[in-house]
N, C-alpha and C. Protein backbone atom coordinates (compact mmCIF):
# COMPACT_ATOMS: atom_id res chain seq x y z
N UNK A 1 0.84 -1.19 0.00
CA UNK A 1 0.00 0.00 0.00
C UNK A 1 0.89 1.25 0.00
N UNK A 2 0.50 2.24 -0.79
CA UNK A 2 1.25 3.48 -0.88
C UNK A 2 0.71 4.45 0.16
N UNK A 3 1.61 5.07 0.92
CA UNK A 3 1.18 6.02 1.94
C UNK A 3 0.96 7.39 1.33
N UNK A 4 0.16 8.24 1.97
CA UNK A 4 -0.02 9.60 1.46
C UNK A 4 1.30 10.34 1.30
N UNK A 5 2.26 10.12 2.22
CA UNK A 5 3.55 10.81 2.12
C UNK A 5 4.27 10.41 0.83
N UNK A 6 4.23 9.11 0.49
CA UNK A 6 4.86 8.65 -0.74
C UNK A 6 4.16 9.25 -1.94
N UNK A 7 2.84 9.24 -1.93
CA UNK A 7 2.09 9.84 -3.02
C UNK A 7 2.44 11.31 -3.16
N UNK A 8 2.52 12.03 -2.04
CA UNK A 8 2.82 13.46 -2.06
C UNK A 8 4.20 13.71 -2.65
N UNK A 9 5.19 12.93 -2.23
CA UNK A 9 6.54 13.11 -2.77
C UNK A 9 6.52 12.96 -4.28
N UNK A 10 5.76 12.01 -4.78
CA UNK A 10 5.67 11.80 -6.22
C UNK A 10 5.02 12.95 -6.96
N UNK A 11 3.96 13.51 -6.40
CA UNK A 11 3.28 14.58 -7.14
C UNK A 11 4.00 15.91 -7.02
N UNK A 12 4.92 16.06 -6.07
CA UNK A 12 5.67 17.31 -5.93
C UNK A 12 6.95 17.34 -6.76
N UNK A 13 7.21 16.26 -7.49
CA UNK A 13 8.38 16.20 -8.38
C UNK A 13 8.02 16.75 -9.74
N UNK A 14 8.97 17.40 -10.37
CA UNK A 14 8.77 17.87 -11.74
C UNK A 14 8.60 19.37 -11.83
N UNK A 15 8.23 19.79 -13.01
CA UNK A 15 8.03 21.21 -13.33
C UNK A 15 6.90 21.79 -12.48
N UNK A 16 7.10 23.01 -11.98
CA UNK A 16 6.13 23.63 -11.08
C UNK A 16 4.75 23.76 -11.71
N UNK A 17 4.68 23.99 -13.01
CA UNK A 17 3.38 24.13 -13.68
C UNK A 17 2.65 22.78 -13.69
N UNK A 18 3.37 21.70 -13.95
CA UNK A 18 2.77 20.37 -13.93
C UNK A 18 2.32 20.01 -12.52
N UNK A 19 3.16 20.32 -11.54
CA UNK A 19 2.82 20.02 -10.14
C UNK A 19 1.58 20.80 -9.73
N UNK A 20 1.50 22.07 -10.11
CA UNK A 20 0.34 22.89 -9.75
C UNK A 20 -0.95 22.23 -10.23
N UNK A 21 -0.98 21.78 -11.46
CA UNK A 21 -2.17 21.12 -12.00
C UNK A 21 -2.50 19.86 -11.19
N UNK A 22 -1.46 19.12 -10.78
CA UNK A 22 -1.68 17.88 -10.03
C UNK A 22 -2.23 18.14 -8.62
N UNK A 23 -2.02 19.35 -8.09
CA UNK A 23 -2.51 19.62 -6.73
C UNK A 23 -4.01 19.90 -6.68
N UNK A 24 -4.61 20.17 -7.83
CA UNK A 24 -6.07 20.36 -7.85
C UNK A 24 -6.72 19.02 -7.47
N UNK A 25 -7.58 19.06 -6.46
CA UNK A 25 -8.24 17.85 -5.98
C UNK A 25 -7.59 17.26 -4.75
N UNK A 26 -6.40 17.74 -4.39
CA UNK A 26 -5.75 17.26 -3.17
C UNK A 26 -6.51 17.80 -1.96
N UNK A 27 -6.38 17.12 -0.83
CA UNK A 27 -6.97 17.58 0.42
C UNK A 27 -5.88 18.23 1.26
N UNK A 28 -6.13 19.47 1.68
CA UNK A 28 -5.25 20.18 2.59
C UNK A 28 -5.91 20.13 3.96
N UNK A 29 -5.24 19.48 4.91
CA UNK A 29 -5.82 19.26 6.23
C UNK A 29 -4.93 19.87 7.29
N UNK A 30 -5.54 20.57 8.25
CA UNK A 30 -4.77 21.16 9.35
C UNK A 30 -5.28 20.67 10.69
N UNK A 31 -4.33 20.55 11.63
CA UNK A 31 -4.64 20.28 13.03
C UNK A 31 -3.93 21.37 13.81
N UNK A 32 -4.64 22.46 14.05
CA UNK A 32 -4.05 23.65 14.66
C UNK A 32 -4.91 24.09 15.84
N UNK A 33 -4.25 24.38 16.96
CA UNK A 33 -4.94 24.83 18.18
C UNK A 33 -6.02 23.84 18.62
N UNK A 34 -5.78 22.56 18.39
CA UNK A 34 -6.72 21.53 18.82
C UNK A 34 -7.90 21.31 17.89
N UNK A 35 -7.92 21.97 16.75
CA UNK A 35 -9.03 21.85 15.81
C UNK A 35 -8.55 21.27 14.49
N UNK A 36 -9.36 20.40 13.92
CA UNK A 36 -9.05 19.80 12.63
C UNK A 36 -9.96 20.40 11.56
N UNK A 37 -9.34 20.87 10.48
CA UNK A 37 -10.09 21.43 9.35
C UNK A 37 -9.47 20.90 8.06
N UNK A 38 -10.25 20.93 6.99
CA UNK A 38 -9.72 20.46 5.70
C UNK A 38 -10.50 21.08 4.55
N UNK A 39 -9.80 21.20 3.43
CA UNK A 39 -10.43 21.62 2.18
C UNK A 39 -9.96 20.70 1.06
N UNK A 40 -10.74 20.65 0.00
CA UNK A 40 -10.28 20.06 -1.25
C UNK A 40 -9.80 21.22 -2.10
N UNK A 41 -8.56 21.17 -2.54
CA UNK A 41 -7.95 22.26 -3.30
C UNK A 41 -8.62 22.39 -4.66
N UNK A 42 -9.11 23.60 -4.97
CA UNK A 42 -9.80 23.85 -6.23
C UNK A 42 -9.13 24.92 -7.09
N UNK A 43 -8.17 25.66 -6.53
CA UNK A 43 -7.53 26.73 -7.29
C UNK A 43 -6.10 26.92 -6.80
N UNK A 44 -5.15 26.98 -7.74
CA UNK A 44 -3.74 27.17 -7.42
C UNK A 44 -3.08 28.04 -8.48
N UNK A 45 -1.89 28.52 -8.18
CA UNK A 45 -1.06 29.21 -9.16
C UNK A 45 0.38 28.74 -9.01
N UNK A 46 1.07 28.56 -10.14
CA UNK A 46 2.46 28.14 -10.14
C UNK A 46 3.38 29.36 -10.19
N UNK A 47 4.46 29.31 -9.41
CA UNK A 47 5.48 30.35 -9.41
C UNK A 47 6.84 29.69 -9.49
N UNK A 48 7.59 30.03 -10.53
CA UNK A 48 8.92 29.46 -10.74
C UNK A 48 9.97 30.21 -9.94
N UNK A 49 11.20 30.03 -10.34
CA UNK A 49 12.32 30.65 -9.65
C UNK A 49 12.72 31.97 -10.27
N UNK A 50 14.01 32.22 -10.36
CA UNK A 50 14.51 33.51 -10.86
C UNK A 50 14.06 33.84 -12.28
N UNK A 51 13.71 32.85 -13.06
CA UNK A 51 13.25 33.09 -14.44
C UNK A 51 11.81 33.59 -14.51
N UNK A 52 11.07 33.51 -13.42
CA UNK A 52 9.67 33.93 -13.37
C UNK A 52 9.60 35.32 -12.75
N UNK A 53 9.30 36.32 -13.55
CA UNK A 53 9.30 37.71 -13.07
C UNK A 53 8.29 37.96 -11.96
N UNK A 54 7.27 37.11 -11.82
CA UNK A 54 6.26 37.28 -10.77
C UNK A 54 6.61 36.52 -9.49
N UNK A 55 7.68 35.75 -9.52
CA UNK A 55 8.05 34.92 -8.37
C UNK A 55 8.75 35.74 -7.29
N UNK A 56 8.53 35.36 -6.05
CA UNK A 56 9.24 35.99 -4.94
C UNK A 56 10.73 35.65 -4.98
N UNK A 57 11.11 34.66 -5.78
CA UNK A 57 12.52 34.25 -5.87
C UNK A 57 13.26 34.94 -7.01
N UNK A 58 12.60 35.87 -7.69
CA UNK A 58 13.20 36.49 -8.87
C UNK A 58 14.53 37.19 -8.56
N UNK A 59 14.70 37.69 -7.36
CA UNK A 59 15.94 38.39 -6.98
C UNK A 59 16.83 37.54 -6.08
N UNK A 60 16.55 36.25 -6.01
CA UNK A 60 17.36 35.35 -5.20
C UNK A 60 16.82 35.17 -3.79
N UNK A 61 17.60 34.46 -2.99
CA UNK A 61 17.19 34.12 -1.63
C UNK A 61 17.29 35.33 -0.71
N UNK A 62 16.25 35.50 0.11
CA UNK A 62 16.24 36.53 1.15
C UNK A 62 15.73 35.87 2.43
N UNK A 63 15.77 36.58 3.52
CA UNK A 63 15.22 36.04 4.76
C UNK A 63 13.72 35.78 4.60
N UNK A 64 13.04 36.66 3.88
CA UNK A 64 11.59 36.53 3.72
C UNK A 64 11.18 35.35 2.85
N UNK A 65 11.96 35.01 1.83
CA UNK A 65 11.55 33.94 0.92
C UNK A 65 12.36 32.66 1.09
N UNK A 66 13.14 32.54 2.14
CA UNK A 66 14.04 31.41 2.34
C UNK A 66 13.35 30.06 2.23
N UNK A 67 12.10 29.96 2.67
CA UNK A 67 11.39 28.67 2.61
C UNK A 67 11.20 28.19 1.18
N UNK A 68 11.16 29.11 0.21
CA UNK A 68 11.02 28.70 -1.20
C UNK A 68 12.21 27.87 -1.67
N UNK A 69 13.33 27.98 -0.98
CA UNK A 69 14.56 27.29 -1.37
C UNK A 69 14.73 25.97 -0.62
N UNK A 70 13.73 25.60 0.18
CA UNK A 70 13.79 24.36 0.96
C UNK A 70 13.34 23.17 0.11
N UNK A 71 13.29 22.01 0.74
CA UNK A 71 12.90 20.80 0.03
C UNK A 71 11.42 20.81 -0.34
N UNK A 72 11.08 20.02 -1.34
CA UNK A 72 9.69 19.90 -1.77
C UNK A 72 8.83 19.45 -0.59
N UNK A 73 7.64 20.05 -0.49
CA UNK A 73 6.74 19.73 0.61
C UNK A 73 6.84 20.69 1.78
N UNK A 74 7.70 21.68 1.66
CA UNK A 74 7.83 22.71 2.69
C UNK A 74 6.79 23.79 2.41
N UNK A 75 6.22 24.35 3.46
CA UNK A 75 5.29 25.47 3.29
C UNK A 75 6.08 26.78 3.23
N UNK A 76 5.73 27.59 2.26
CA UNK A 76 6.24 28.96 2.17
C UNK A 76 5.03 29.85 2.43
N UNK A 77 5.01 30.50 3.60
CA UNK A 77 3.88 31.33 4.01
C UNK A 77 4.36 32.76 4.14
N UNK A 78 3.66 33.67 3.49
CA UNK A 78 4.03 35.08 3.54
C UNK A 78 2.78 35.92 3.72
N UNK A 79 2.98 37.16 4.12
CA UNK A 79 1.86 38.08 4.30
C UNK A 79 1.73 38.94 3.05
N UNK A 80 0.54 38.96 2.48
CA UNK A 80 0.27 39.74 1.28
C UNK A 80 -0.23 41.12 1.67
N UNK A 81 0.42 42.14 1.13
CA UNK A 81 0.07 43.53 1.42
C UNK A 81 0.05 43.82 2.92
N UNK A 82 0.80 43.05 3.70
CA UNK A 82 0.87 43.25 5.13
C UNK A 82 -0.39 42.88 5.88
N UNK A 83 -1.33 42.19 5.20
CA UNK A 83 -2.63 41.90 5.81
C UNK A 83 -2.93 40.41 5.88
N UNK A 84 -2.93 39.72 4.75
CA UNK A 84 -3.40 38.33 4.66
C UNK A 84 -2.24 37.35 4.52
N UNK A 85 -2.32 36.23 5.25
CA UNK A 85 -1.35 35.16 5.07
C UNK A 85 -1.68 34.40 3.80
N UNK A 86 -0.66 34.01 3.06
CA UNK A 86 -0.82 33.20 1.84
C UNK A 86 0.11 32.01 1.95
N UNK A 87 -0.39 30.81 1.63
CA UNK A 87 0.39 29.58 1.75
C UNK A 87 0.73 29.01 0.38
N UNK A 88 1.97 28.61 0.26
CA UNK A 88 2.49 27.97 -0.95
C UNK A 88 3.12 26.65 -0.57
N UNK A 89 3.08 25.69 -1.48
CA UNK A 89 3.77 24.42 -1.31
C UNK A 89 5.02 24.46 -2.19
N UNK A 90 6.18 24.30 -1.58
CA UNK A 90 7.43 24.28 -2.32
C UNK A 90 7.52 22.97 -3.10
N UNK A 91 7.98 23.06 -4.35
CA UNK A 91 8.12 21.88 -5.20
C UNK A 91 9.54 21.82 -5.76
N UNK A 92 9.91 20.66 -6.26
CA UNK A 92 11.21 20.51 -6.90
C UNK A 92 12.35 20.36 -5.92
N UNK A 93 13.58 20.35 -6.45
CA UNK A 93 14.76 20.14 -5.61
C UNK A 93 15.08 21.33 -4.71
N UNK A 94 15.74 21.03 -3.59
CA UNK A 94 16.24 22.06 -2.67
C UNK A 94 17.13 23.04 -3.45
N UNK A 95 17.07 24.30 -3.09
CA UNK A 95 17.87 25.37 -3.69
C UNK A 95 17.49 25.72 -5.13
N UNK A 96 16.39 25.14 -5.62
CA UNK A 96 15.84 25.53 -6.93
C UNK A 96 14.41 26.00 -6.67
N UNK A 97 14.25 27.28 -6.30
CA UNK A 97 12.97 27.77 -5.81
C UNK A 97 11.83 27.66 -6.81
N UNK A 98 10.75 27.07 -6.36
CA UNK A 98 9.49 27.00 -7.10
C UNK A 98 8.42 26.64 -6.09
N UNK A 99 7.24 27.23 -6.24
CA UNK A 99 6.18 26.98 -5.27
C UNK A 99 4.82 27.14 -5.93
N UNK A 100 3.83 26.47 -5.33
CA UNK A 100 2.45 26.55 -5.81
C UNK A 100 1.63 27.27 -4.75
N UNK A 101 1.07 28.42 -5.13
CA UNK A 101 0.20 29.19 -4.24
C UNK A 101 -1.15 28.49 -4.16
N UNK A 102 -1.62 28.25 -2.94
CA UNK A 102 -2.94 27.65 -2.71
C UNK A 102 -3.96 28.79 -2.69
N UNK A 103 -4.71 28.94 -3.77
CA UNK A 103 -5.62 30.08 -3.93
C UNK A 103 -7.03 29.83 -3.42
N UNK A 104 -7.50 28.59 -3.44
CA UNK A 104 -8.88 28.36 -3.02
C UNK A 104 -9.18 26.89 -2.86
N UNK A 105 -10.28 26.62 -2.16
CA UNK A 105 -10.67 25.23 -1.92
C UNK A 105 -12.12 25.11 -1.50
N UNK A 106 -12.57 23.88 -1.47
CA UNK A 106 -13.93 23.53 -1.05
C UNK A 106 -13.84 22.97 0.36
N UNK A 107 -14.43 23.64 1.38
CA UNK A 107 -14.37 23.13 2.74
C UNK A 107 -14.95 21.71 2.83
N UNK A 108 -14.23 20.83 3.56
CA UNK A 108 -14.69 19.44 3.67
C UNK A 108 -14.70 18.90 5.09
N UNK A 109 -14.05 19.59 6.03
CA UNK A 109 -13.99 19.12 7.41
C UNK A 109 -13.79 20.32 8.33
N UNK A 110 -14.53 20.33 9.44
CA UNK A 110 -14.36 21.41 10.42
C UNK A 110 -14.95 22.73 9.98
N UNK A 111 -16.01 22.68 9.23
CA UNK A 111 -16.62 23.92 8.71
C UNK A 111 -17.02 24.88 9.83
N UNK A 112 -17.60 24.42 10.95
CA UNK A 112 -17.91 25.37 12.03
C UNK A 112 -16.66 26.09 12.57
N UNK A 113 -15.54 25.40 12.58
CA UNK A 113 -14.28 26.03 13.03
C UNK A 113 -13.88 27.10 12.03
N UNK A 114 -13.98 26.78 10.73
CA UNK A 114 -13.65 27.76 9.69
C UNK A 114 -14.55 28.99 9.80
N UNK A 115 -15.84 28.76 10.04
CA UNK A 115 -16.78 29.88 10.17
C UNK A 115 -16.40 30.77 11.35
N UNK A 116 -15.98 30.16 12.44
CA UNK A 116 -15.58 30.93 13.62
C UNK A 116 -14.29 31.73 13.32
N UNK A 117 -13.34 31.09 12.70
CA UNK A 117 -12.09 31.79 12.37
C UNK A 117 -12.32 32.93 11.38
N UNK A 118 -13.23 32.72 10.44
CA UNK A 118 -13.50 33.73 9.41
C UNK A 118 -14.58 34.72 9.83
N UNK A 119 -15.31 34.42 10.91
CA UNK A 119 -16.40 35.28 11.40
C UNK A 119 -17.49 35.46 10.34
N UNK A 120 -17.76 34.37 9.63
CA UNK A 120 -18.81 34.37 8.60
C UNK A 120 -19.12 32.94 8.22
N UNK A 121 -20.23 32.74 7.52
CA UNK A 121 -20.66 31.39 7.15
C UNK A 121 -20.53 31.10 5.66
N UNK A 122 -20.10 32.07 4.87
CA UNK A 122 -19.98 31.82 3.43
C UNK A 122 -18.63 32.35 2.93
N UNK A 123 -18.30 31.98 1.71
CA UNK A 123 -17.02 32.41 1.10
C UNK A 123 -15.85 32.17 2.05
N UNK A 124 -15.79 30.97 2.59
CA UNK A 124 -14.80 30.66 3.62
C UNK A 124 -13.38 30.51 3.08
N UNK A 125 -13.24 29.94 1.90
CA UNK A 125 -11.89 29.60 1.41
C UNK A 125 -11.72 29.93 -0.07
N UNK A 126 -12.39 30.98 -0.54
CA UNK A 126 -12.32 31.34 -1.96
C UNK A 126 -11.33 32.47 -2.20
N UNK A 127 -10.14 32.31 -1.74
CA UNK A 127 -9.05 33.26 -1.91
C UNK A 127 -7.91 32.82 -1.01
N UNK A 128 -6.67 33.14 -1.36
CA UNK A 128 -5.54 32.64 -0.57
C UNK A 128 -5.53 33.13 0.88
N UNK A 129 -5.91 34.37 1.12
CA UNK A 129 -5.96 34.87 2.49
C UNK A 129 -7.09 34.23 3.29
N UNK A 130 -8.24 34.09 2.66
CA UNK A 130 -9.39 33.45 3.33
C UNK A 130 -9.08 31.99 3.65
N UNK A 131 -8.42 31.31 2.72
CA UNK A 131 -8.06 29.92 2.90
C UNK A 131 -7.17 29.77 4.14
N UNK A 132 -6.14 30.59 4.23
CA UNK A 132 -5.24 30.51 5.39
C UNK A 132 -5.96 30.83 6.69
N UNK A 133 -6.77 31.86 6.69
CA UNK A 133 -7.49 32.22 7.91
C UNK A 133 -8.42 31.09 8.34
N UNK A 134 -9.16 30.52 7.41
CA UNK A 134 -10.11 29.44 7.73
C UNK A 134 -9.40 28.20 8.26
N UNK A 135 -8.22 27.90 7.71
CA UNK A 135 -7.50 26.70 8.12
C UNK A 135 -6.55 26.94 9.30
N UNK A 136 -6.39 28.20 9.71
CA UNK A 136 -5.52 28.53 10.83
C UNK A 136 -4.05 28.63 10.47
N UNK A 137 -3.74 28.77 9.19
CA UNK A 137 -2.35 28.87 8.73
C UNK A 137 -1.86 30.31 8.88
N UNK A 138 -0.70 30.47 9.53
CA UNK A 138 -0.12 31.80 9.75
C UNK A 138 1.38 31.77 9.43
N UNK A 139 2.04 32.86 9.64
CA UNK A 139 3.47 32.95 9.43
C UNK A 139 4.26 31.97 10.29
N UNK A 140 3.68 31.50 11.38
CA UNK A 140 4.34 30.50 12.21
C UNK A 140 4.59 29.21 11.44
N UNK A 141 3.84 29.00 10.36
CA UNK A 141 3.96 27.77 9.58
C UNK A 141 4.92 27.91 8.41
N UNK A 142 5.51 29.08 8.23
CA UNK A 142 6.50 29.27 7.17
C UNK A 142 7.69 28.36 7.44
N UNK A 143 8.08 27.57 6.45
CA UNK A 143 9.21 26.66 6.59
C UNK A 143 8.88 25.31 7.18
N UNK A 144 7.60 25.09 7.54
CA UNK A 144 7.18 23.81 8.11
C UNK A 144 7.03 22.79 6.99
N UNK A 145 7.50 21.59 7.23
CA UNK A 145 7.37 20.51 6.26
C UNK A 145 5.99 19.88 6.40
N UNK A 146 5.30 19.69 5.28
CA UNK A 146 3.98 19.06 5.31
C UNK A 146 4.09 17.68 5.94
N UNK A 147 3.05 17.30 6.68
CA UNK A 147 3.02 15.99 7.31
C UNK A 147 2.85 16.07 8.81
N UNK A 148 3.02 17.23 9.39
CA UNK A 148 2.81 17.42 10.81
C UNK A 148 1.41 17.97 11.03
N UNK A 149 1.33 19.22 11.53
CA UNK A 149 0.00 19.80 11.76
C UNK A 149 -0.71 20.16 10.46
N UNK A 150 0.03 20.20 9.37
CA UNK A 150 -0.57 20.52 8.07
C UNK A 150 -0.18 19.41 7.09
N UNK A 151 -1.19 18.79 6.49
CA UNK A 151 -0.96 17.70 5.55
C UNK A 151 -1.59 18.00 4.21
N UNK A 152 -0.99 17.49 3.17
CA UNK A 152 -1.54 17.57 1.83
C UNK A 152 -1.65 16.15 1.32
N UNK A 153 -2.88 15.72 1.04
CA UNK A 153 -3.15 14.35 0.63
C UNK A 153 -3.61 14.37 -0.82
N UNK A 154 -2.88 13.71 -1.72
CA UNK A 154 -3.27 13.71 -3.13
C UNK A 154 -4.71 13.26 -3.33
N UNK A 155 -5.34 13.80 -4.36
CA UNK A 155 -6.73 13.46 -4.65
C UNK A 155 -7.05 13.69 -6.11
N UNK A 156 -8.33 13.69 -6.40
CA UNK A 156 -8.83 13.86 -7.76
C UNK A 156 -9.61 15.16 -7.85
N UNK A 157 -9.43 15.94 -8.93
CA UNK A 157 -10.18 17.20 -9.08
C UNK A 157 -11.69 17.00 -8.98
N UNK A 158 -12.38 18.00 -8.44
CA UNK A 158 -13.83 17.95 -8.30
C UNK A 158 -14.54 18.17 -9.63
N UNK A 159 -13.83 18.59 -10.64
CA UNK A 159 -14.41 18.83 -11.96
C UNK A 159 -13.30 19.06 -12.95
N UNK A 160 -13.65 19.41 -14.19
CA UNK A 160 -12.61 19.69 -15.19
C UNK A 160 -11.70 20.83 -14.71
N UNK A 161 -10.43 20.75 -15.06
CA UNK A 161 -9.45 21.76 -14.65
C UNK A 161 -9.14 22.67 -15.84
N UNK A 162 -9.22 23.98 -15.59
CA UNK A 162 -8.91 24.96 -16.63
C UNK A 162 -7.63 25.70 -16.24
N UNK A 163 -6.92 26.17 -17.26
CA UNK A 163 -5.71 26.97 -17.05
C UNK A 163 -5.99 28.38 -17.54
N UNK A 164 -5.63 29.37 -16.73
CA UNK A 164 -5.81 30.78 -17.08
C UNK A 164 -4.57 31.54 -16.63
N UNK A 165 -4.43 32.79 -17.04
CA UNK A 165 -3.33 33.60 -16.51
C UNK A 165 -3.49 33.80 -15.00
N UNK A 166 -2.36 33.96 -14.32
CA UNK A 166 -2.38 34.22 -12.88
C UNK A 166 -3.04 35.58 -12.63
N UNK A 167 -3.58 35.76 -11.44
CA UNK A 167 -4.29 36.99 -11.13
C UNK A 167 -3.62 37.69 -9.94
N UNK A 168 -3.85 39.00 -9.83
CA UNK A 168 -3.33 39.76 -8.71
C UNK A 168 -1.84 40.04 -8.79
N UNK A 169 -1.27 39.94 -9.99
CA UNK A 169 0.16 40.22 -10.17
C UNK A 169 0.32 41.27 -11.27
N UNK A 170 1.50 41.85 -11.35
CA UNK A 170 1.74 42.88 -12.37
C UNK A 170 2.82 42.47 -13.37
N UNK A 171 3.53 41.37 -13.12
CA UNK A 171 4.57 40.90 -14.03
C UNK A 171 4.24 39.47 -14.47
N UNK A 172 4.68 39.13 -15.68
CA UNK A 172 4.44 37.79 -16.24
C UNK A 172 2.95 37.44 -16.18
N UNK A 173 2.13 38.42 -16.50
CA UNK A 173 0.67 38.25 -16.40
C UNK A 173 0.09 37.39 -17.52
N UNK A 174 0.85 37.12 -18.55
CA UNK A 174 0.33 36.37 -19.69
C UNK A 174 0.46 34.85 -19.53
N UNK A 175 1.23 34.39 -18.57
CA UNK A 175 1.45 32.96 -18.42
C UNK A 175 0.20 32.27 -17.87
N UNK A 176 -0.27 31.20 -18.50
CA UNK A 176 -1.47 30.49 -18.04
C UNK A 176 -1.13 29.50 -16.91
N UNK A 177 -0.67 30.03 -15.80
CA UNK A 177 -0.19 29.21 -14.70
C UNK A 177 -1.14 29.20 -13.50
N UNK A 178 -2.36 29.60 -13.70
CA UNK A 178 -3.41 29.48 -12.68
C UNK A 178 -4.29 28.32 -13.10
N UNK A 179 -4.57 27.42 -12.17
CA UNK A 179 -5.39 26.25 -12.47
C UNK A 179 -6.57 26.23 -11.50
N UNK A 180 -7.74 25.94 -12.05
CA UNK A 180 -8.96 25.91 -11.23
C UNK A 180 -9.86 24.78 -11.70
N UNK A 181 -10.51 24.14 -10.74
CA UNK A 181 -11.48 23.10 -11.05
C UNK A 181 -12.83 23.76 -11.27
N UNK A 182 -13.44 23.46 -12.39
CA UNK A 182 -14.79 23.96 -12.66
C UNK A 182 -15.78 23.08 -11.93
N UNK A 183 -16.81 23.71 -11.36
CA UNK A 183 -17.82 22.92 -10.64
C UNK A 183 -19.16 23.12 -11.27
């Protein structure tokens, strides 16, 4: 029998764009502050290394983006516009920065906990900041290897997957590196 960790290692190998597509349908599960929550991943974006003008790694390693240079399966968590936490899964070999931004998901476990964390009952995980808030992911999880309090379990997309240009960026806007499951 293949374990989720083995499956995860396999899907995190290869080109970041291919890996991003493979993460659609995976389950992202957290056990934080005594609460268990989970989503099925429905939207992601791929970010390469120095060759990708929209990547945080475009200017090389810094203290802020150091997790992007870690081994595949490491979380790279940063604050967007100084307000919202955003979580990425590092892919590929160590010291070759590439990551997949987790943009959205379908809540599947611990929905009352997500509602309490988000202070609302709808639109719980339809954006990277909302996703992190609902699942309890913060900057404390930057550099954490998946498999502890935060797990990513491979799965199957909830519907057909489409590729579109990434959103919310100002550079390399033409690349179709955003993937979303149609429902």
